[in-house]
Structures are given as C-alpha cells and as structure tokens.
N, C-alpha and C. Protein backbone atom coordinates (compact mmCIF):
# COMPACT_ATOMS: atom_id res chain seq x y z
N GLN A 1 -5.52 -4.98 -19.38
CA GLN A 1 -5.75 -3.64 -18.69
C GLN A 1 -5.12 -4.12 -17.23
N VAL A 2 -4.46 -3.29 -16.22
CA VAL A 2 -3.83 -3.74 -15.20
C VAL A 2 -5.12 -4.01 -14.31
N GLN A 3 -4.23 -5.37 -13.73
CA GLN A 3 -5.55 -5.38 -12.44
C GLN A 3 -4.64 -5.64 -11.04
N LEU A 4 -5.12 -5.46 -10.10
CA LEU A 4 -4.06 -5.73 -8.78
C LEU A 4 -5.05 -6.01 -8.08
N VAL A 5 -4.05 -6.73 -7.09
CA VAL A 5 -5.33 -7.24 -5.92
C VAL A 5 -4.43 -7.30 -4.72
N GLU A 6 -4.71 -7.21 -3.57
CA GLU A 6 -4.22 -6.74 -2.23
C GLU A 6 -4.41 -7.85 -1.39
N SER A 7 -3.24 -8.09 -0.66
CA SER A 7 -3.68 -8.94 0.62
C SER A 7 -2.49 -9.33 1.62
N GLY A 8 -3.03 -9.45 2.58
CA GLY A 8 -1.98 -9.53 3.84
C GLY A 8 -2.18 -8.72 4.84
N GLY A 9 -3.56 -7.96 4.79
CA GLY A 9 -4.35 -7.44 5.50
C GLY A 9 -4.75 -8.48 6.94
N GLY A 10 -5.57 -7.65 8.30
CA GLY A 10 -6.12 -8.40 9.03
C GLY A 10 -6.12 -7.33 10.47
N LEU A 11 -6.18 -8.39 11.66
CA LEU A 11 -6.69 -7.74 13.12
C LEU A 11 -5.36 -7.83 13.39
N VAL A 12 -4.37 -6.87 14.26
CA VAL A 12 -3.11 -6.53 15.07
C VAL A 12 -3.51 -6.02 16.08
N GLN A 13 -2.34 -6.58 17.27
CA GLN A 13 -2.14 -5.67 18.12
C GLN A 13 -1.51 -4.45 18.02
N ALA A 14 -1.85 -3.29 19.13
CA ALA A 14 -0.67 -1.80 18.90
C ALA A 14 1.04 -2.64 18.91
N GLY A 15 1.84 -2.02 18.19
CA GLY A 15 3.15 -2.44 18.48
C GLY A 15 3.43 -3.44 17.42
N GLY A 16 2.37 -4.59 17.01
CA GLY A 16 2.55 -5.40 16.08
C GLY A 16 3.11 -5.20 14.37
N SER A 17 3.43 -6.01 13.60
CA SER A 17 3.79 -5.83 12.02
C SER A 17 2.89 -6.48 11.72
N LEU A 18 2.34 -5.77 10.18
CA LEU A 18 1.89 -6.95 9.04
C LEU A 18 2.86 -6.40 7.65
N ARG A 19 3.01 -7.50 6.79
CA ARG A 19 3.05 -7.66 5.45
C ARG A 19 2.03 -7.40 4.34
N LEU A 20 2.08 -6.66 3.55
CA LEU A 20 0.76 -6.55 2.33
C LEU A 20 1.44 -6.77 1.73
N SER A 21 1.15 -7.67 0.32
CA SER A 21 1.00 -7.50 -0.73
C SER A 21 0.04 -7.11 -1.42
N CYS A 22 0.65 -6.54 -3.21
CA CYS A 22 -0.40 -6.24 -4.26
C CYS A 22 0.73 -6.86 -5.61
N ALA A 23 -0.62 -7.76 -6.16
CA ALA A 23 0.10 -8.35 -7.04
C ALA A 23 -0.42 -7.81 -8.22
N ALA A 24 0.33 -7.61 -9.41
CA ALA A 24 -0.43 -6.82 -10.78
C ALA A 24 -0.52 -7.82 -12.01
N SER A 25 -1.54 -8.20 -12.78
CA SER A 25 -1.60 -8.74 -13.85
C SER A 25 -1.63 -7.72 -14.90
N GLY A 26 -1.01 -7.83 -16.09
CA GLY A 26 -1.45 -7.08 -17.41
C GLY A 26 -0.33 -5.75 -16.91
N GLY A 27 -0.36 -5.56 -18.01
CA GLY A 27 0.71 -4.00 -18.42
C GLY A 27 2.05 -4.63 -18.25
N ILE A 28 3.19 -3.66 -18.38
CA ILE A 28 4.75 -3.89 -17.87
C ILE A 28 4.78 -3.41 -16.52
N PHE A 29 4.75 -4.01 -15.69
CA PHE A 29 4.70 -4.21 -13.87
C PHE A 29 6.12 -3.10 -14.10
N SER A 30 7.47 -3.48 -14.35
CA SER A 30 8.47 -2.55 -14.22
C SER A 30 8.27 -1.12 -14.36
N SER A 31 7.52 -0.90 -15.62
CA SER A 31 7.74 0.46 -15.86
C SER A 31 6.80 1.41 -15.06
N GLY A 32 5.93 0.95 -13.99
CA GLY A 32 5.02 1.85 -13.43
C GLY A 32 5.38 2.37 -11.60
N VAL A 33 5.13 3.25 -11.29
CA VAL A 33 4.79 3.38 -9.71
C VAL A 33 4.42 2.92 -9.18
N MET A 34 4.22 2.52 -8.22
CA MET A 34 3.37 1.72 -7.38
C MET A 34 3.08 2.41 -6.32
N ALA A 35 2.12 2.44 -6.01
CA ALA A 35 1.80 3.05 -4.57
C ALA A 35 0.86 2.41 -3.32
N TRP A 36 0.99 2.56 -2.42
CA TRP A 36 0.08 2.47 -1.44
C TRP A 36 -0.94 3.45 -0.51
N TYR A 37 -2.05 3.46 -0.50
CA TYR A 37 -2.71 4.58 0.35
C TYR A 37 -3.78 3.52 1.23
N ARG A 38 -4.03 4.67 2.36
CA ARG A 38 -5.17 3.76 2.88
C ARG A 38 -6.53 4.48 3.24
N GLN A 39 -7.75 4.82 3.62
CA GLN A 39 -8.95 5.04 3.66
C GLN A 39 -9.43 4.78 4.86
N ALA A 40 -9.59 5.65 6.12
CA ALA A 40 -9.78 4.90 7.32
C ALA A 40 -11.55 5.31 7.40
N ARG A 41 -12.04 4.63 8.07
CA ARG A 41 -13.50 5.08 8.03
C ARG A 41 -14.01 6.69 7.65
N GLN A 42 -13.04 7.12 9.21
CA GLN A 42 -13.82 8.74 9.76
C GLN A 42 -13.05 9.62 9.27
N ALA A 43 -12.20 9.10 8.55
CA ALA A 43 -11.58 10.39 7.60
C ALA A 43 -12.66 11.24 6.84
N PRO A 44 -12.27 12.18 7.13
CA PRO A 44 -12.79 13.61 6.21
C PRO A 44 -13.22 13.17 4.74
N GLY A 45 -14.30 13.44 4.53
CA GLY A 45 -14.82 12.91 3.01
C GLY A 45 -14.42 11.86 2.81
N ASN A 46 -13.93 10.99 3.94
CA ASN A 46 -14.04 9.56 3.03
C ASN A 46 -12.71 9.66 2.32
N GLN A 47 -11.55 10.18 2.20
CA GLN A 47 -11.16 10.74 1.42
C GLN A 47 -9.36 9.78 1.53
N ARG A 48 -9.13 9.45 0.57
CA ARG A 48 -7.86 8.14 0.82
C ARG A 48 -6.74 9.25 0.61
N GLU A 49 -5.94 8.67 1.87
CA GLU A 49 -4.18 9.00 2.40
C GLU A 49 -3.54 8.24 1.64
N PHE A 50 -1.93 9.28 1.11
CA PHE A 50 -1.01 8.91 0.68
C PHE A 50 -0.58 7.78 2.02
N VAL A 51 0.72 6.46 1.13
CA VAL A 51 1.24 6.11 2.40
C VAL A 51 2.78 6.04 1.58
N ALA A 52 2.82 5.73 0.91
CA ALA A 52 4.01 5.26 0.56
C ALA A 52 4.43 5.16 -1.50
N LEU A 53 5.64 5.09 -1.76
CA LEU A 53 5.13 4.90 -3.16
C LEU A 53 6.66 4.63 -3.78
N ILE A 54 7.16 4.26 -4.32
CA ILE A 54 8.14 3.30 -5.04
C ILE A 54 7.98 3.42 -6.61
N THR A 55 9.10 4.42 -7.16
CA THR A 55 9.26 4.13 -8.63
C THR A 55 9.88 3.24 -8.91
N SER A 56 10.20 2.89 -10.50
CA SER A 56 10.55 1.87 -11.34
C SER A 56 12.21 1.65 -11.17
N SER A 57 12.54 2.70 -10.66
CA SER A 57 14.11 2.87 -10.29
C SER A 57 14.59 2.61 -9.10
N GLY A 58 12.93 2.00 -8.27
CA GLY A 58 13.12 1.96 -7.14
C GLY A 58 13.63 3.34 -5.64
N ILE A 59 12.56 3.89 -6.26
CA ILE A 59 13.21 5.47 -5.41
C ILE A 59 12.01 5.78 -4.76
N THR A 60 11.92 5.98 -3.31
CA THR A 60 10.65 5.54 -2.06
C THR A 60 10.47 6.86 -1.97
N ASN A 61 8.99 6.74 -1.24
CA ASN A 61 8.84 8.45 -0.58
C ASN A 61 7.48 7.86 -0.04
N TYR A 62 7.67 8.61 1.40
CA TYR A 62 6.36 8.11 2.35
C TYR A 62 5.72 9.05 3.16
N SER A 63 4.71 9.23 3.56
CA SER A 63 3.72 10.44 4.26
C SER A 63 4.50 9.96 5.87
N ASP A 64 4.65 11.45 6.33
CA ASP A 64 5.21 11.62 7.57
C ASP A 64 5.07 11.00 8.80
N SER A 65 3.37 10.44 8.48
CA SER A 65 2.79 9.24 9.27
C SER A 65 3.11 8.19 9.24
N VAL A 66 3.88 7.51 8.25
CA VAL A 66 4.31 6.11 8.50
C VAL A 66 6.04 6.19 8.36
N LYS A 67 6.87 7.13 7.95
CA LYS A 67 8.10 7.25 8.11
C LYS A 67 8.95 6.61 9.11
N GLY A 68 9.62 5.93 8.85
CA GLY A 68 10.22 4.90 10.24
C GLY A 68 9.85 3.86 10.42
N ARG A 69 8.45 3.85 9.88
CA ARG A 69 8.07 2.38 10.50
C ARG A 69 7.37 1.63 9.07
N PHE A 70 7.05 2.06 8.18
CA PHE A 70 6.58 1.17 6.66
C PHE A 70 7.47 1.55 6.25
N THR A 71 7.78 -0.28 5.50
CA THR A 71 8.66 0.33 4.16
C THR A 71 7.98 -0.62 2.78
N ILE A 72 8.47 0.27 2.05
CA ILE A 72 7.44 -0.19 0.73
C ILE A 72 8.89 -0.60 -0.35
N ASP A 73 8.78 -1.86 -0.67
CA ASP A 73 9.50 -2.67 -2.01
C ASP A 73 9.12 -3.53 -3.28
N ARG A 74 9.86 -3.61 -4.25
CA ARG A 74 8.81 -4.27 -4.81
C ARG A 74 9.53 -5.10 -6.02
N ASN A 75 8.99 -6.89 -6.59
CA ASN A 75 9.98 -7.55 -6.67
C ASN A 75 8.87 -7.32 -8.34
N ASN A 76 10.22 -6.97 -9.13
CA ASN A 76 9.47 -7.05 -10.61
C ASN A 76 9.71 -8.19 -11.44
N ALA A 77 9.82 -9.21 -11.15
CA ALA A 77 10.22 -10.45 -11.40
C ALA A 77 9.02 -11.24 -10.39
N LYS A 78 8.09 -10.70 -9.88
CA LYS A 78 6.95 -11.43 -8.98
C LYS A 78 5.82 -10.05 -9.32
N ASN A 79 6.14 -9.16 -10.26
CA ASN A 79 4.98 -8.37 -10.56
C ASN A 79 4.42 -8.17 -8.91
N THR A 80 4.85 -8.09 -7.93
CA THR A 80 4.50 -7.37 -6.88
C THR A 80 4.92 -6.38 -5.92
N VAL A 81 4.42 -5.63 -5.39
CA VAL A 81 4.52 -4.61 -4.64
C VAL A 81 4.20 -4.57 -2.99
N TYR A 82 5.28 -4.18 -1.97
CA TYR A 82 5.09 -5.09 -0.57
C TYR A 82 4.96 -3.75 0.16
N LEU A 83 3.85 -3.67 1.41
CA LEU A 83 4.49 -2.97 2.24
C LEU A 83 4.30 -3.38 3.80
N GLN A 84 5.61 -3.57 4.15
CA GLN A 84 6.17 -3.76 5.24
C GLN A 84 5.46 -3.11 6.52
N MET A 85 4.82 -3.39 7.74
CA MET A 85 4.49 -2.35 8.22
C MET A 85 4.96 -2.63 9.58
N TYR A 86 5.53 -1.57 10.54
CA TYR A 86 5.89 -2.61 11.56
C TYR A 86 5.44 -1.32 13.28
N SER A 87 5.55 -1.45 14.08
CA SER A 87 4.71 -0.49 15.28
C SER A 87 3.84 -0.07 14.63
N LEU A 88 2.51 -0.76 14.32
CA LEU A 88 1.23 -0.35 14.39
C LEU A 88 0.57 0.18 15.13
N LYS A 89 0.18 1.38 14.88
CA LYS A 89 -0.77 1.99 15.78
C LYS A 89 -2.28 2.24 15.86
N PRO A 90 -3.39 2.30 16.58
CA PRO A 90 -4.35 2.18 16.21
C PRO A 90 -4.98 3.33 15.15
N GLU A 91 -4.40 4.71 14.96
CA GLU A 91 -4.58 5.11 13.87
C GLU A 91 -3.95 4.46 12.46
N ASP A 92 -3.43 3.50 12.59
CA ASP A 92 -2.67 2.82 11.48
C ASP A 92 -4.45 2.09 10.65
N THR A 93 -5.35 1.91 11.51
CA THR A 93 -6.47 0.79 11.13
C THR A 93 -7.55 1.69 9.83
N ALA A 94 -7.41 1.26 8.90
CA ALA A 94 -7.49 1.79 7.69
C ALA A 94 -7.86 0.37 6.40
N VAL A 95 -8.71 0.80 5.47
CA VAL A 95 -8.21 -0.21 4.27
C VAL A 95 -7.11 0.44 3.35
N TYR A 96 -6.08 -0.24 3.28
CA TYR A 96 -5.38 -0.25 2.48
C TYR A 96 -5.19 -0.80 0.72
N TYR A 97 -4.95 0.37 -0.04
CA TYR A 97 -5.14 0.27 -1.53
C TYR A 97 -4.00 0.47 -2.05
N CYS A 98 -3.51 -0.23 -3.23
CA CYS A 98 -2.10 -0.66 -3.61
C CYS A 98 -3.39 0.42 -5.22
N LYS A 99 -2.27 0.93 -5.90
CA LYS A 99 -2.40 1.98 -6.97
C LYS A 99 -1.03 1.80 -7.87
N ARG A 100 -1.49 1.67 -9.54
CA ARG A 100 -0.34 2.02 -9.77
C ARG A 100 -0.87 3.12 -10.66
N THR A 101 0.39 3.47 -11.63
CA THR A 101 0.50 4.68 -12.20
C THR A 101 1.84 4.48 -13.32
N THR A 102 1.11 4.45 -14.69
CA THR A 102 2.32 4.28 -16.01
C THR A 102 1.49 5.74 -16.88
N GLY A 103 2.33 6.24 -17.51
CA GLY A 103 2.44 7.45 -18.35
C GLY A 103 0.75 7.88 -17.38
N GLY A 104 -0.03 8.15 -19.01
CA GLY A 104 -1.61 8.35 -18.00
C GLY A 104 -2.60 7.27 -17.50
N SER A 105 -2.36 6.48 -16.97
CA SER A 105 -3.15 5.37 -16.51
C SER A 105 -2.68 5.09 -15.63
N ILE A 106 -4.07 5.08 -14.72
CA ILE A 106 -4.01 4.87 -13.28
C ILE A 106 -4.92 3.62 -12.86
N SER A 107 -4.40 2.59 -12.14
CA SER A 107 -4.88 1.68 -12.00
C SER A 107 -5.42 1.16 -10.33
N TRP A 108 -6.24 0.97 -9.71
CA TRP A 108 -6.45 0.86 -7.87
C TRP A 108 -6.71 -0.69 -7.72
N GLY A 109 -6.49 -0.84 -6.82
CA GLY A 109 -7.18 -2.24 -6.26
C GLY A 109 -8.39 -2.51 -5.96
N ARG A 110 -8.92 -2.91 -5.26
CA ARG A 110 -10.01 -3.32 -4.19
C ARG A 110 -9.66 -2.89 -2.66
N GLY A 111 -8.20 -3.34 -2.08
CA GLY A 111 -8.27 -2.72 -1.14
C GLY A 111 -8.41 -4.21 0.27
N THR A 112 -7.33 -3.86 1.10
CA THR A 112 -7.05 -5.01 2.46
C THR A 112 -7.22 -4.32 3.44
N GLN A 113 -8.59 -4.84 4.68
CA GLN A 113 -8.53 -4.40 5.73
C GLN A 113 -7.26 -4.66 6.40
N VAL A 114 -6.79 -3.35 7.19
CA VAL A 114 -6.04 -3.72 8.44
C VAL A 114 -6.49 -2.64 9.90
N THR A 115 -6.55 -3.65 10.80
CA THR A 115 -7.44 -3.15 11.86
C THR A 115 -6.30 -3.03 13.36
N VAL A 116 -5.78 -2.32 13.95
CA VAL A 116 -4.72 -2.34 14.49
C VAL A 116 -5.77 -1.83 16.03
N SER A 117 -6.00 -3.32 17.23
CA SER A 117 -6.69 -2.91 18.36
C SER A 117 -5.03 -2.39 19.37
N SER A 118 -5.92 -1.72 20.27
CA SER A 118 -5.04 -1.01 21.32
C SER A 118 -4.85 -1.87 22.62
C-alpha cells in the first residue's frame, strides 16, 4: 500500500517562497503520476483544487493560478516529489496535499499547511 507524507509547509510572508516535499513508500514510485492539490478553508464546498502534476516521463501541468510561480519536479531515486513555490500570495494559503495515481489506484497524503501572510 502506498503511503505519502508531505512536509515543508509553514508560515511565510507574501512574496516569499517555500518548497514542499512528498515522500512515498510502497509501490513503484516511478510509474505513477504525482500531483499536488490544495484545500483552502474558505473553498466552496471545501473542495480540493488542482495545483500541479508530473507524469512518470516528466511531463508537467499547472493550474492557471500558479503557472509561472510554482514548479513541480520529482526524484524517482528518492521516491519524492517536490513543489517549489515562489512569489507566494495570501490566496495561496491552504493545506497542500500530495496525490499519486497509478492504474486504478489513488493515494493521498495527509497534507501540510501553508500560510501566507500579507
């Protein structure tokens, strides 16, 4: 069973940067699509918002709200995916979750809180 553990969240001022990590255990890490989602407390219906993903071959995709500010990458040797966040804004405040999809299996981490103060 795949387990995902996020880390790197914290409190940062607007304009600052953070790097989130998601360490995976179990399964074959290199074969999955890894993604980051976020859930803000005030989100309608408390829905998780897509942030970024990276495929096993390194193809990336970003939401329009973070494009140009966030970068996702993965280190298959370390079974870890990263989210480098620059130029953070107060509206980036949320719990950030790591998600792994492989075949018909989906796994989520427990999340890490990112708070951006104005």
